[in-house]
Amino acid sequence: MRIPARFAPLLFSALLSVIMVAIVSAFVLVSSQGLHSGFLAQWLKSCLTTWPIAFPTVAIVAPWVRGIVGRVTA
């Protein structure tokens, strides 16, 4: 199944934000609390509560950042 190209920016934002939320929330939890028996449940809860903020942030900020990068690179 192929997704139409017009959805590429949204798909990019969704995938990037999921990956970033997963990595950053795991890092913060391990750094602050270490690995413990409830880590997985706490990590999933953290991901589910932060992703709704990360997704629209990436969707809004990514085009702006692409524009800046385009202006400052040759």
PDB file of N, CA and C in Angstrom:
ATOM      1  N   MET A   1       0.838  -1.186   0.000  1.00  0.00           N
ATOM      2  CA  MET A   1       0.000   0.000   0.000  1.00  0.00           C
ATOM      3  C   MET A   1       0.885   1.252   0.000  1.00  0.00           C
ATOM      4  N   ARG A   2       0.626   2.131  -0.925  1.00  0.00           N
ATOM      5  CA  ARG A   2       1.377   3.382  -1.021  1.00  0.00           C
ATOM      6  C   ARG A   2       0.496   4.525  -0.547  1.00  0.00           C
ATOM      7  N   ILE A   3       1.108   5.456   0.142  1.00  0.00           N
ATOM      8  CA  ILE A   3       0.407   6.640   0.632  1.00  0.00           C
ATOM      9  C   ILE A   3       0.653   7.760  -0.374  1.00  0.00           C
ATOM     10  N   PRO A   4      -0.387   8.514  -0.735  1.00  0.00           N
ATOM     11  CA  PRO A   4      -0.188   9.619  -1.683  1.00  0.00           C
ATOM     12  C   PRO A   4       0.865  10.613  -1.188  1.00  0.00           C
ATOM     13  N   ALA A   5       1.640  11.154  -2.116  1.00  0.00           N
ATOM     14  CA  ALA A   5       2.742  12.066  -1.795  1.00  0.00           C
ATOM     15  C   ALA A   5       2.280  13.303  -1.043  1.00  0.00           C
ATOM     16  N   ARG A   6       1.040  13.711  -1.221  1.00  0.00           N
ATOM     17  CA  ARG A   6       0.568  14.921  -0.533  1.00  0.00           C
ATOM     18  C   ARG A   6       0.553  14.748   0.991  1.00  0.00           C
ATOM     19  N   PHE A   7       0.583  13.495   1.455  1.00  0.00           N
ATOM     20  CA  PHE A   7       0.603  13.233   2.894  1.00  0.00           C
ATOM     21  C   PHE A   7       2.016  13.092   3.448  1.00  0.00           C
ATOM     22  N   ALA A   8       3.033  13.241   2.610  1.00  0.00           N
ATOM     23  CA  ALA A   8       4.421  13.068   3.034  1.00  0.00           C
ATOM     24  C   ALA A   8       4.813  13.966   4.206  1.00  0.00           C
ATOM     25  N   PRO A   9       4.463  15.256   4.209  1.00  0.00           N
ATOM     26  CA  PRO A   9       4.845  16.080   5.365  1.00  0.00           C
ATOM     27  C   PRO A   9       4.220  15.600   6.677  1.00  0.00           C
ATOM     28  N   LEU A  10       2.981  15.168   6.639  1.00  0.00           N
ATOM     29  CA  LEU A  10       2.341  14.660   7.860  1.00  0.00           C
ATOM     30  C   LEU A  10       2.956  13.345   8.304  1.00  0.00           C
ATOM     31  N   LEU A  11       3.237  12.466   7.356  1.00  0.00           N
ATOM     32  CA  LEU A  11       3.862  11.194   7.695  1.00  0.00           C
ATOM     33  C   LEU A  11       5.257  11.420   8.265  1.00  0.00           C
ATOM     34  N   PHE A  12       6.001  12.315   7.653  1.00  0.00           N
ATOM     35  CA  PHE A  12       7.322  12.672   8.170  1.00  0.00           C
ATOM     36  C   PHE A  12       7.217  13.160   9.604  1.00  0.00           C
ATOM     37  N   SER A  13       6.292  14.075   9.876  1.00  0.00           N
ATOM     38  CA  SER A  13       6.120  14.626  11.216  1.00  0.00           C
ATOM     39  C   SER A  13       5.716  13.551  12.208  1.00  0.00           C
ATOM     40  N   ALA A  14       4.818  12.669  11.805  1.00  0.00           N
ATOM     41  CA  ALA A  14       4.362  11.604  12.698  1.00  0.00           C
ATOM     42  C   ALA A  14       5.506  10.656  13.046  1.00  0.00           C
ATOM     43  N   LEU A  15       6.241  10.211  12.030  1.00  0.00           N
ATOM     44  CA  LEU A  15       7.326   9.268  12.290  1.00  0.00           C
ATOM     45  C   LEU A  15       8.459   9.898  13.092  1.00  0.00           C
ATOM     46  N   LEU A  16       8.863  11.095  12.720  1.00  0.00           N
ATOM     47  CA  LEU A  16       9.942  11.761  13.448  1.00  0.00           C
ATOM     48  C   LEU A  16       9.552  12.000  14.898  1.00  0.00           C
ATOM     49  N   SER A  17       8.334  12.446  15.131  1.00  0.00           N
ATOM     50  CA  SER A  17       7.919  12.731  16.507  1.00  0.00           C
ATOM     51  C   SER A  17       7.793  11.452  17.333  1.00  0.00           C
ATOM     52  N   VAL A  18       7.317  10.363  16.746  1.00  0.00           N
ATOM     53  CA  VAL A  18       7.232   9.090  17.479  1.00  0.00           C
ATOM     54  C   VAL A  18       8.631   8.625  17.872  1.00  0.00           C
ATOM     55  N   ILE A  19       9.560   8.666  16.934  1.00  0.00           N
ATOM     56  CA  ILE A  19      10.931   8.214  17.210  1.00  0.00           C
ATOM     57  C   ILE A  19      11.578   9.090  18.282  1.00  0.00           C
ATOM     58  N   MET A  20      11.442  10.401  18.139  1.00  0.00           N
ATOM     59  CA  MET A  20      12.059  11.306  19.110  1.00  0.00           C
ATOM     60  C   MET A  20      11.451  11.163  20.496  1.00  0.00           C
ATOM     61  N   VAL A  21      10.138  11.076  20.579  1.00  0.00           N
ATOM     62  CA  VAL A  21       9.478  10.920  21.880  1.00  0.00           C
ATOM     63  C   VAL A  21       9.919   9.628  22.541  1.00  0.00           C
ATOM     64  N   ALA A  22       9.978   8.548  21.782  1.00  0.00           N
ATOM     65  CA  ALA A  22      10.373   7.260  22.350  1.00  0.00           C
ATOM     66  C   ALA A  22      11.798   7.306  22.899  1.00  0.00           C
ATOM     67  N   ILE A  23      12.722   7.853  22.121  1.00  0.00           N
ATOM     68  CA  ILE A  23      14.121   7.903  22.539  1.00  0.00           C
ATOM     69  C   ILE A  23      14.322   8.852  23.716  1.00  0.00           C
ATOM     70  N   VAL A  24      13.793  10.057  23.613  1.00  0.00           N
ATOM     71  CA  VAL A  24      14.011  11.054  24.654  1.00  0.00           C
ATOM     72  C   VAL A  24      13.334  10.657  25.965  1.00  0.00           C
ATOM     73  N   SER A  25      12.113  10.152  25.898  1.00  0.00           N
ATOM     74  CA  SER A  25      11.440   9.773  27.138  1.00  0.00           C
ATOM     75  C   SER A  25      12.143   8.590  27.799  1.00  0.00           C
ATOM     76  N   ALA A  26      12.635   7.640  27.022  1.00  0.00           N
ATOM     77  CA  ALA A  26      13.387   6.522  27.600  1.00  0.00           C
ATOM     78  C   ALA A  26      14.667   7.029  28.257  1.00  0.00           C
ATOM     79  N   PHE A  27      15.364   7.919  27.583  1.00  0.00           N
ATOM     80  CA  PHE A  27      16.607   8.475  28.142  1.00  0.00           C
ATOM     81  C   PHE A  27      16.350   9.215  29.451  1.00  0.00           C
ATOM     82  N   VAL A  28      15.324  10.052  29.465  1.00  0.00           N
ATOM     83  CA  VAL A  28      15.021  10.823  30.672  1.00  0.00           C
ATOM     84  C   VAL A  28      14.634   9.895  31.823  1.00  0.00           C
ATOM     85  N   LEU A  29      13.807   8.907  31.545  1.00  0.00           N
ATOM     86  CA  LEU A  29      13.407   7.983  32.604  1.00  0.00           C
ATOM     87  C   LEU A  29      14.581   7.172  33.137  1.00  0.00           C
ATOM     88  N   VAL A  30      15.416   6.654  32.250  1.00  0.00           N
ATOM     89  CA  VAL A  30      16.583   5.885  32.706  1.00  0.00           C
ATOM     90  C   VAL A  30      17.540   6.776  33.478  1.00  0.00           C
ATOM     91  N   SER A  31      17.738   8.000  33.018  1.00  0.00           N
ATOM     92  CA  SER A  31      18.655   8.924  33.701  1.00  0.00           C
ATOM     93  C   SER A  31      18.153   9.307  35.087  1.00  0.00           C
ATOM     94  N   SER A  32      16.854   9.513  35.194  1.00  0.00           N
ATOM     95  CA  SER A  32      16.322   9.995  36.467  1.00  0.00           C
ATOM     96  C   SER A  32      15.947   8.884  37.443  1.00  0.00           C
ATOM     97  N   GLN A  33      15.517   7.721  36.919  1.00  0.00           N
ATOM     98  CA  GLN A  33      15.026   6.670  37.817  1.00  0.00           C
ATOM     99  C   GLN A  33      15.727   5.334  37.639  1.00  0.00           C
ATOM    100  N   GLY A  34      16.503   5.191  36.590  1.00  0.00           N
ATOM    101  CA  GLY A  34      17.136   3.910  36.306  1.00  0.00           C
ATOM    102  C   GLY A  34      16.117   2.904  35.778  1.00  0.00           C
ATOM    103  N   LEU A  35      16.614   1.746  35.413  1.00  0.00           N
ATOM    104  CA  LEU A  35      15.717   0.679  34.966  1.00  0.00           C
ATOM    105  C   LEU A  35      15.105   0.022  36.193  1.00  0.00           C
ATOM    106  N   HIS A  36      13.793  -0.126  36.197  1.00  0.00           N
ATOM    107  CA  HIS A  36      13.091  -0.745  37.319  1.00  0.00           C
ATOM    108  C   HIS A  36      11.917  -1.549  36.789  1.00  0.00           C
ATOM    109  N   SER A  37      11.243  -2.246  37.665  1.00  0.00           N
ATOM    110  CA  SER A  37      10.193  -3.171  37.225  1.00  0.00           C
ATOM    111  C   SER A  37       9.032  -2.478  36.511  1.00  0.00           C
ATOM    112  N   GLY A  38       8.733  -1.239  36.847  1.00  0.00           N
ATOM    113  CA  GLY A  38       7.636  -0.529  36.205  1.00  0.00           C
ATOM    114  C   GLY A  38       8.067   0.374  35.067  1.00  0.00           C
ATOM    115  N   PHE A  39       9.317   0.202  34.619  1.00  0.00           N
ATOM    116  CA  PHE A  39       9.865   1.106  33.599  1.00  0.00           C
ATOM    117  C   PHE A  39       9.043   1.102  32.321  1.00  0.00           C
ATOM    118  N   LEU A  40       8.731  -0.077  31.802  1.00  0.00           N
ATOM    119  CA  LEU A  40       8.036  -0.155  30.514  1.00  0.00           C
ATOM    120  C   LEU A  40       6.682   0.544  30.551  1.00  0.00           C
ATOM    121  N   ALA A  41       5.911   0.311  31.602  1.00  0.00           N
ATOM    122  CA  ALA A  41       4.598   0.959  31.723  1.00  0.00           C
ATOM    123  C   ALA A  41       4.744   2.468  31.850  1.00  0.00           C
ATOM    124  N   GLN A  42       5.720   2.905  32.632  1.00  0.00           N
ATOM    125  CA  GLN A  42       5.943   4.340  32.808  1.00  0.00           C
ATOM    126  C   GLN A  42       6.423   4.973  31.507  1.00  0.00           C
ATOM    127  N   TRP A  43       7.271   4.264  30.780  1.00  0.00           N
ATOM    128  CA  TRP A  43       7.783   4.771  29.506  1.00  0.00           C
ATOM    129  C   TRP A  43       6.653   4.905  28.485  1.00  0.00           C
ATOM    130  N   LEU A  44       5.806   3.893  28.386  1.00  0.00           N
ATOM    131  CA  LEU A  44       4.678   3.959  27.451  1.00  0.00           C
ATOM    132  C   LEU A  44       3.721   5.097  27.807  1.00  0.00           C
ATOM    133  N   LYS A  45       3.459   5.270  29.097  1.00  0.00           N
ATOM    134  CA  LYS A  45       2.592   6.372  29.537  1.00  0.00           C
ATOM    135  C   LYS A  45       3.216   7.717  29.169  1.00  0.00           C
ATOM    136  N   SER A  46       4.508   7.824  29.382  1.00  0.00           N
ATOM    137  CA  SER A  46       5.212   9.059  29.040  1.00  0.00           C
ATOM    138  C   SER A  46       5.127   9.340  27.542  1.00  0.00           C
ATOM    139  N   CYS A  47       5.320   8.299  26.738  1.00  0.00           N
ATOM    140  CA  CYS A  47       5.234   8.465  25.281  1.00  0.00           C
ATOM    141  C   CYS A  47       3.839   8.902  24.855  1.00  0.00           C
ATOM    142  N   LEU A  48       2.826   8.265  25.421  1.00  0.00           N
ATOM    143  CA  LEU A  48       1.449   8.579  25.041  1.00  0.00           C
ATOM    144  C   LEU A  48       1.017   9.972  25.479  1.00  0.00           C
ATOM    145  N   THR A  49       1.593  10.479  26.552  1.00  0.00           N
ATOM    146  CA  THR A  49       1.206  11.819  26.999  1.00  0.00           C
ATOM    147  C   THR A  49       2.007  12.927  26.321  1.00  0.00           C
ATOM    148  N   THR A  50       3.208  12.614  25.848  1.00  0.00           N
ATOM    149  CA  THR A  50       4.023  13.661  25.212  1.00  0.00           C
ATOM    150  C   THR A  50       3.900  13.708  23.692  1.00  0.00           C
ATOM    151  N   TRP A  51       3.540  12.589  23.064  1.00  0.00           N
ATOM    152  CA  TRP A  51       3.455  12.591  21.602  1.00  0.00           C
ATOM    153  C   TRP A  51       2.416  13.571  21.055  1.00  0.00           C
ATOM    154  N   PRO A  52       1.253  13.739  21.708  1.00  0.00           N
ATOM    155  CA  PRO A  52       0.304  14.732  21.176  1.00  0.00           C
ATOM    156  C   PRO A  52       0.854  16.166  21.156  1.00  0.00           C
ATOM    157  N   ILE A  53       1.882  16.430  21.942  1.00  0.00           N
ATOM    158  CA  ILE A  53       2.533  17.749  21.898  1.00  0.00           C
ATOM    159  C   ILE A  53       3.623  17.740  20.821  1.00  0.00           C
ATOM    160  N   ALA A  54       4.376  16.656  20.750  1.00  0.00           N
ATOM    161  CA  ALA A  54       5.502  16.576  19.815  1.00  0.00           C
ATOM    162  C   ALA A  54       5.052  16.576  18.360  1.00  0.00           C
ATOM    163  N   PHE A  55       3.979  15.857  18.035  1.00  0.00           N
ATOM    164  CA  PHE A  55       3.555  15.740  16.635  1.00  0.00           C
ATOM    165  C   PHE A  55       3.197  17.085  16.019  1.00  0.00           C
ATOM    166  N   PRO A  56       2.286  17.863  16.612  1.00  0.00           N
ATOM    167  CA  PRO A  56       2.006  19.155  15.978  1.00  0.00           C
ATOM    168  C   PRO A  56       3.193  20.114  16.013  1.00  0.00           C
ATOM    169  N   THR A  57       4.037  19.976  17.038  1.00  0.00           N
ATOM    170  CA  THR A  57       5.227  20.833  17.096  1.00  0.00           C
ATOM    171  C   THR A  57       6.128  20.550  15.908  1.00  0.00           C
ATOM    172  N   VAL A  58       6.395  19.284  15.627  1.00  0.00           N
ATOM    173  CA  VAL A  58       7.235  18.926  14.480  1.00  0.00           C
ATOM    174  C   VAL A  58       6.550  19.348  13.185  1.00  0.00           C
ATOM    175  N   ALA A  59       5.254  19.133  13.084  1.00  0.00           N
ATOM    176  CA  ALA A  59       4.527  19.487  11.858  1.00  0.00           C
ATOM    177  C   ALA A  59       4.610  20.983  11.565  1.00  0.00           C
ATOM    178  N   ILE A  60       4.602  21.797  12.608  1.00  0.00           N
ATOM    179  CA  ILE A  60       4.656  23.250  12.432  1.00  0.00           C
ATOM    180  C   ILE A  60       6.087  23.740  12.248  1.00  0.00           C
ATOM    181  N   VAL A  61       7.021  23.191  13.007  1.00  0.00           N
ATOM    182  CA  VAL A  61       8.392  23.693  13.026  1.00  0.00           C
ATOM    183  C   VAL A  61       9.235  23.162  11.857  1.00  0.00           C
ATOM    184  N   ALA A  62       9.002  21.935  11.407  1.00  0.00           N
ATOM    185  CA  ALA A  62       9.855  21.336  10.362  1.00  0.00           C
ATOM    186  C   ALA A  62       9.923  22.177   9.081  1.00  0.00           C
ATOM    187  N   PRO A  63       8.803  22.661   8.538  1.00  0.00           N
ATOM    188  CA  PRO A  63       8.921  23.484   7.315  1.00  0.00           C
ATOM    189  C   PRO A  63       9.726  24.764   7.552  1.00  0.00           C
ATOM    190  N   TRP A  64       9.581  25.351   8.700  1.00  0.00           N
ATOM    191  CA  TRP A  64      10.325  26.558   9.053  1.00  0.00           C
ATOM    192  C   TRP A  64      11.826  26.257   9.111  1.00  0.00           C
ATOM    193  N   VAL A  65      12.180  25.143   9.756  1.00  0.00           N
ATOM    194  CA  VAL A  65      13.587  24.746   9.864  1.00  0.00           C
ATOM    195  C   VAL A  65      14.150  24.414   8.478  1.00  0.00           C
ATOM    196  N   ARG A  66      13.369  23.713   7.639  1.00  0.00           N
ATOM    197  CA  ARG A  66      13.833  23.425   6.267  1.00  0.00           C
ATOM    198  C   ARG A  66      14.140  24.721   5.519  1.00  0.00           C
ATOM    199  N   GLY A  67      13.305  25.727   5.703  1.00  0.00           N
ATOM    200  CA  GLY A  67      13.533  27.017   5.056  1.00  0.00           C
ATOM    201  C   GLY A  67      14.817  27.680   5.521  1.00  0.00           C
ATOM    202  N   ILE A  68      15.058  27.646   6.814  1.00  0.00           N
ATOM    203  CA  ILE A  68      16.291  28.221   7.364  1.00  0.00           C
ATOM    204  C   ILE A  68      17.504  27.478   6.823  1.00  0.00           C
ATOM    205  N   VAL A  69      17.448  26.159   6.858  1.00  0.00           N
ATOM    206  CA  VAL A  69      18.563  25.367   6.352  1.00  0.00           C
ATOM    207  C   VAL A  69      18.797  25.649   4.874  1.00  0.00           C
ATOM    208  N   GLY A  70      17.740  25.802   4.111  1.00  0.00           N
ATOM    209  CA  GLY A  70      17.870  26.114   2.691  1.00  0.00           C
ATOM    210  C   GLY A  70      18.538  27.452   2.440  1.00  0.00           C
ATOM    211  N   ARG A  71      18.277  28.407   3.327  1.00  0.00           N
ATOM    212  CA  ARG A  71      18.874  29.745   3.163  1.00  0.00           C
ATOM    213  C   ARG A  71      20.331  29.793   3.595  1.00  0.00           C
ATOM    214  N   VAL A  72      20.748  28.957   4.529  1.00  0.00           N
ATOM    215  CA  VAL A  72      22.114  29.045   5.048  1.00  0.00           C
ATOM    216  C   VAL A  72      23.053  28.005   4.444  1.00  0.00           C
ATOM    217  N   THR A  73      22.545  27.167   3.556  1.00  0.00           N
ATOM    218  CA  THR A  73      23.426  26.187   2.898  1.00  0.00           C
ATOM    219  C   THR A  73      23.531  26.494   1.417  1.00  0.00           C
ATOM    220  N   ALA A  74      24.639  26.034   0.860  1.00  0.00           N
ATOM    221  CA  ALA A  74      24.892  26.297  -0.573  1.00  0.00           C
ATOM    222  C   ALA A  74      24.297  25.211  -1.424  1.00  0.00           C
TER     223      ALA A  74
END
